[in-house]
Every structure is written in structure tokens, then in C-alpha cells.
N, C-alpha and C. Protein backbone atom coordinates (compact mmCIF):
# COMPACT_ATOMS: atom_id res chain seq x y z
N MET A 1 32.72 -4.21 -1.95
CA MET A 1 32.03 -3.77 -3.16
C MET A 1 30.66 -4.44 -3.21
N ASN A 2 29.70 -3.70 -3.62
CA ASN A 2 28.34 -4.20 -3.73
C ASN A 2 28.23 -5.09 -4.96
N PRO A 3 27.79 -6.37 -4.81
CA PRO A 3 27.75 -7.28 -5.97
C PRO A 3 26.73 -6.85 -7.02
N ILE A 4 25.73 -6.06 -6.64
CA ILE A 4 24.72 -5.64 -7.61
C ILE A 4 25.30 -4.66 -8.62
N LEU A 5 26.39 -3.97 -8.26
CA LEU A 5 27.01 -3.02 -9.18
C LEU A 5 27.68 -3.72 -10.36
N ALA A 6 28.10 -4.96 -10.18
CA ALA A 6 28.78 -5.68 -11.24
C ALA A 6 27.86 -6.65 -11.97
N TRP A 7 26.56 -6.59 -11.71
CA TRP A 7 25.60 -7.51 -12.33
C TRP A 7 25.29 -7.06 -13.75
N ILE A 8 25.41 -7.98 -14.71
CA ILE A 8 25.09 -7.71 -16.12
C ILE A 8 23.81 -8.49 -16.43
N PRO A 9 22.67 -7.82 -16.58
CA PRO A 9 21.38 -8.51 -16.67
C PRO A 9 21.28 -9.55 -17.76
N ILE A 10 21.77 -9.31 -18.95
CA ILE A 10 21.61 -10.27 -20.04
C ILE A 10 22.59 -11.43 -19.90
N LEU A 11 23.81 -11.15 -19.53
CA LEU A 11 24.82 -12.20 -19.46
C LEU A 11 24.77 -12.98 -18.16
N GLN A 12 24.30 -12.37 -17.09
CA GLN A 12 24.24 -13.03 -15.79
C GLN A 12 22.84 -12.88 -15.20
N PRO A 13 21.86 -13.63 -15.71
CA PRO A 13 20.51 -13.49 -15.17
C PRO A 13 20.50 -13.88 -13.70
N GLY A 14 19.84 -13.10 -12.91
CA GLY A 14 19.83 -13.37 -11.48
C GLY A 14 18.45 -13.19 -10.91
N GLY A 15 18.42 -12.87 -9.66
CA GLY A 15 17.15 -12.70 -8.99
C GLY A 15 16.70 -13.97 -8.32
N SER A 16 15.42 -14.00 -7.95
CA SER A 16 14.91 -15.13 -7.19
C SER A 16 14.73 -16.38 -8.05
N LEU A 17 14.72 -16.24 -9.38
CA LEU A 17 14.54 -17.42 -10.23
C LEU A 17 15.82 -18.23 -10.37
N GLY A 18 16.96 -17.59 -10.19
CA GLY A 18 18.22 -18.32 -10.25
C GLY A 18 18.44 -19.01 -11.58
N ASN A 19 18.55 -20.34 -11.56
CA ASN A 19 18.81 -21.09 -12.78
C ASN A 19 17.57 -21.29 -13.65
N TYR A 20 16.43 -20.88 -13.18
CA TYR A 20 15.19 -21.07 -13.93
C TYR A 20 14.72 -19.80 -14.61
N TRP A 21 15.64 -18.88 -14.91
CA TRP A 21 15.29 -17.62 -15.55
C TRP A 21 14.70 -17.83 -16.93
N TRP A 22 15.03 -18.93 -17.60
CA TRP A 22 14.55 -19.19 -18.95
C TRP A 22 13.05 -19.43 -18.97
N LEU A 23 12.46 -19.72 -17.82
CA LEU A 23 11.00 -19.91 -17.77
C LEU A 23 10.25 -18.61 -18.03
N LEU A 24 10.95 -17.48 -17.96
CA LEU A 24 10.33 -16.19 -18.27
C LEU A 24 10.04 -16.06 -19.77
N LEU A 25 10.53 -17.00 -20.57
CA LEU A 25 10.25 -16.99 -22.01
C LEU A 25 8.74 -17.09 -22.27
N PHE A 26 8.04 -17.91 -21.49
CA PHE A 26 6.62 -18.15 -21.76
C PHE A 26 5.75 -16.92 -21.54
N PRO A 27 5.84 -16.21 -20.41
CA PRO A 27 5.03 -15.00 -20.30
C PRO A 27 5.45 -13.92 -21.29
N LEU A 28 6.74 -13.87 -21.63
CA LEU A 28 7.21 -12.89 -22.60
C LEU A 28 6.60 -13.16 -23.98
N VAL A 29 6.59 -14.42 -24.39
CA VAL A 29 6.03 -14.78 -25.70
C VAL A 29 4.53 -14.53 -25.73
N VAL A 30 3.83 -14.84 -24.65
CA VAL A 30 2.38 -14.60 -24.62
C VAL A 30 2.09 -13.10 -24.70
N GLY A 31 2.84 -12.29 -23.99
CA GLY A 31 2.65 -10.84 -24.04
C GLY A 31 2.93 -10.28 -25.43
N ILE A 32 3.98 -10.75 -26.05
CA ILE A 32 4.31 -10.29 -27.40
C ILE A 32 3.24 -10.72 -28.39
N SER A 33 2.75 -11.94 -28.25
CA SER A 33 1.73 -12.41 -29.19
C SER A 33 0.41 -11.68 -29.00
N ILE A 34 0.05 -11.32 -27.77
CA ILE A 34 -1.16 -10.53 -27.54
C ILE A 34 -1.02 -9.16 -28.18
N ALA A 35 0.13 -8.52 -27.99
CA ALA A 35 0.36 -7.21 -28.59
C ALA A 35 0.36 -7.29 -30.12
N TYR A 36 0.97 -8.30 -30.67
CA TYR A 36 1.02 -8.46 -32.12
C TYR A 36 -0.38 -8.67 -32.69
N ARG A 37 -1.14 -9.57 -32.07
CA ARG A 37 -2.51 -9.84 -32.55
C ARG A 37 -3.39 -8.62 -32.40
N ALA A 38 -3.21 -7.87 -31.33
CA ALA A 38 -4.05 -6.68 -31.10
C ALA A 38 -3.80 -5.61 -32.15
N THR A 39 -2.60 -5.54 -32.67
CA THR A 39 -2.30 -4.52 -33.67
C THR A 39 -2.51 -4.99 -35.10
N HIS A 40 -2.58 -6.30 -35.33
CA HIS A 40 -2.69 -6.82 -36.69
C HIS A 40 -4.03 -7.48 -37.01
N GLN A 41 -4.94 -7.49 -36.07
CA GLN A 41 -6.24 -8.13 -36.31
C GLN A 41 -7.33 -7.09 -36.13
N SER A 42 -8.24 -7.03 -37.09
CA SER A 42 -9.26 -5.97 -37.07
C SER A 42 -10.45 -6.28 -36.17
N ASP A 43 -10.74 -7.55 -35.90
CA ASP A 43 -11.85 -7.90 -35.03
C ASP A 43 -11.41 -8.95 -34.01
N LEU A 44 -12.30 -9.27 -33.06
CA LEU A 44 -11.93 -10.21 -32.00
C LEU A 44 -12.24 -11.66 -32.34
N ALA A 45 -12.79 -11.90 -33.52
CA ALA A 45 -13.08 -13.28 -33.93
C ALA A 45 -11.77 -14.03 -34.14
N GLY A 46 -11.56 -15.05 -33.38
CA GLY A 46 -10.34 -15.84 -33.49
C GLY A 46 -9.12 -15.22 -32.86
N PHE A 47 -9.32 -14.19 -32.03
CA PHE A 47 -8.18 -13.50 -31.42
C PHE A 47 -7.35 -14.43 -30.55
N TRP A 48 -8.02 -15.13 -29.61
CA TRP A 48 -7.28 -15.97 -28.67
C TRP A 48 -6.69 -17.20 -29.35
N ARG A 49 -7.36 -17.69 -30.39
CA ARG A 49 -6.80 -18.81 -31.16
C ARG A 49 -5.52 -18.35 -31.86
N GLY A 50 -5.54 -17.13 -32.40
CA GLY A 50 -4.35 -16.58 -33.03
C GLY A 50 -3.23 -16.34 -32.04
N VAL A 51 -3.59 -15.88 -30.84
CA VAL A 51 -2.58 -15.67 -29.79
C VAL A 51 -1.94 -17.00 -29.40
N LEU A 52 -2.76 -18.03 -29.23
CA LEU A 52 -2.24 -19.35 -28.86
C LEU A 52 -1.34 -19.91 -29.96
N THR A 53 -1.79 -19.78 -31.20
CA THR A 53 -0.99 -20.28 -32.32
C THR A 53 0.35 -19.56 -32.42
N PHE A 54 0.32 -18.24 -32.31
CA PHE A 54 1.54 -17.44 -32.38
C PHE A 54 2.47 -17.79 -31.22
N SER A 55 1.90 -17.98 -30.02
CA SER A 55 2.71 -18.32 -28.84
C SER A 55 3.39 -19.66 -29.01
N VAL A 56 2.65 -20.65 -29.48
CA VAL A 56 3.23 -21.99 -29.65
C VAL A 56 4.32 -21.96 -30.71
N LYS A 57 4.04 -21.31 -31.84
CA LYS A 57 5.05 -21.24 -32.91
C LYS A 57 6.31 -20.52 -32.44
N SER A 58 6.15 -19.43 -31.70
CA SER A 58 7.30 -18.67 -31.22
C SER A 58 8.11 -19.47 -30.20
N THR A 59 7.42 -20.17 -29.31
CA THR A 59 8.12 -20.97 -28.30
C THR A 59 8.88 -22.12 -28.95
N VAL A 60 8.26 -22.78 -29.92
CA VAL A 60 8.94 -23.87 -30.63
C VAL A 60 10.15 -23.33 -31.40
N ALA A 61 9.99 -22.16 -32.02
CA ALA A 61 11.10 -21.56 -32.76
C ALA A 61 12.25 -21.22 -31.82
N MET A 62 11.95 -20.62 -30.67
CA MET A 62 13.02 -20.27 -29.71
C MET A 62 13.70 -21.54 -29.18
N GLY A 63 12.92 -22.57 -28.88
CA GLY A 63 13.51 -23.82 -28.43
C GLY A 63 14.39 -24.47 -29.48
N SER A 64 13.94 -24.42 -30.73
CA SER A 64 14.74 -24.98 -31.82
C SER A 64 16.03 -24.21 -32.02
N LEU A 65 15.96 -22.88 -31.94
CA LEU A 65 17.18 -22.08 -32.05
C LEU A 65 18.13 -22.36 -30.90
N GLY A 66 17.59 -22.52 -29.70
CA GLY A 66 18.43 -22.85 -28.55
C GLY A 66 19.10 -24.19 -28.70
N ALA A 67 18.36 -25.19 -29.18
CA ALA A 67 18.93 -26.52 -29.40
C ALA A 67 19.99 -26.49 -30.50
N ALA A 68 19.72 -25.73 -31.56
CA ALA A 68 20.70 -25.62 -32.64
C ALA A 68 21.99 -24.95 -32.16
N MET A 69 21.85 -23.90 -31.37
CA MET A 69 23.04 -23.23 -30.85
C MET A 69 23.81 -24.13 -29.88
N TYR A 70 23.09 -24.90 -29.07
CA TYR A 70 23.73 -25.84 -28.16
C TYR A 70 24.56 -26.85 -28.95
N LEU A 71 23.95 -27.44 -29.98
CA LEU A 71 24.67 -28.41 -30.80
C LEU A 71 25.85 -27.78 -31.51
N PHE A 72 25.68 -26.57 -31.98
CA PHE A 72 26.78 -25.89 -32.68
C PHE A 72 27.94 -25.63 -31.74
N VAL A 73 27.64 -25.14 -30.54
CA VAL A 73 28.71 -24.77 -29.60
C VAL A 73 29.41 -26.00 -29.04
N TYR A 74 28.65 -27.06 -28.72
CA TYR A 74 29.25 -28.21 -28.05
C TYR A 74 29.66 -29.34 -28.99
N LEU A 75 29.21 -29.33 -30.24
CA LEU A 75 29.60 -30.39 -31.16
C LEU A 75 30.41 -29.88 -32.35
N VAL A 76 29.96 -28.83 -32.98
CA VAL A 76 30.61 -28.36 -34.22
C VAL A 76 31.90 -27.60 -33.90
N ILE A 77 31.83 -26.66 -32.99
CA ILE A 77 33.02 -25.84 -32.70
C ILE A 77 34.20 -26.68 -32.18
N PRO A 78 34.00 -27.67 -31.28
CA PRO A 78 35.15 -28.48 -30.88
C PRO A 78 35.81 -29.27 -32.02
N MET A 79 35.04 -29.59 -33.05
CA MET A 79 35.62 -30.29 -34.19
C MET A 79 36.48 -29.39 -35.06
N LEU A 80 36.36 -28.06 -34.87
CA LEU A 80 37.13 -27.11 -35.68
C LEU A 80 38.51 -26.84 -35.12
N ARG A 81 38.85 -27.42 -33.99
CA ARG A 81 40.16 -27.18 -33.39
C ARG A 81 41.27 -27.69 -34.31
N VAL A 82 42.28 -26.87 -34.39
CA VAL A 82 43.45 -27.26 -35.17
C VAL A 82 44.56 -27.61 -34.18
N GLY A 83 45.09 -28.77 -34.30
CA GLY A 83 46.16 -29.04 -33.37
C GLY A 83 46.38 -30.46 -33.18
């Protein structure tokens, strides 16, 4: 059986990045912030400053959510065991 047929992209990230697939967060956030700024800003004054600010805030938010989920899964859920 071909292993690519059983690959689930979101649950099993693969490819040449292997365990470093999460590094794709940075270009994704920059692309989203450029698109957001391009559609919500009427002139180019402060465009790149806005893109940088939006990118940093989004990256920090994603990192914070990841850390919160890590703590929830590995600290809070094991304390809920009954037995």
C-alpha cells in the first residue's frame, strides 16, 4: 500500500520539514497580515509597520494558545482522572 494514500495533512504533517513543520507558522502569519493590511488600509503610510505589528501580535497569540493547550493537556487533564 502506498503510504501517501493514508496521509492526513492536518493530523500528520509531513514532507521535508518533518518535525519542524510548525516553522511554517511565520510565513503564514506574514502572508495573512499583508493581505489583511492591504484590504483594511486606505494608503501605504505605515503599511509595513502595521504588517509587522499584526505579525508579531498574531505569532505571540498563537504561541500563547499553544502553551495554554500544552499545559491543559499535560497538567490539567491528568488531574481529572477518577480512580
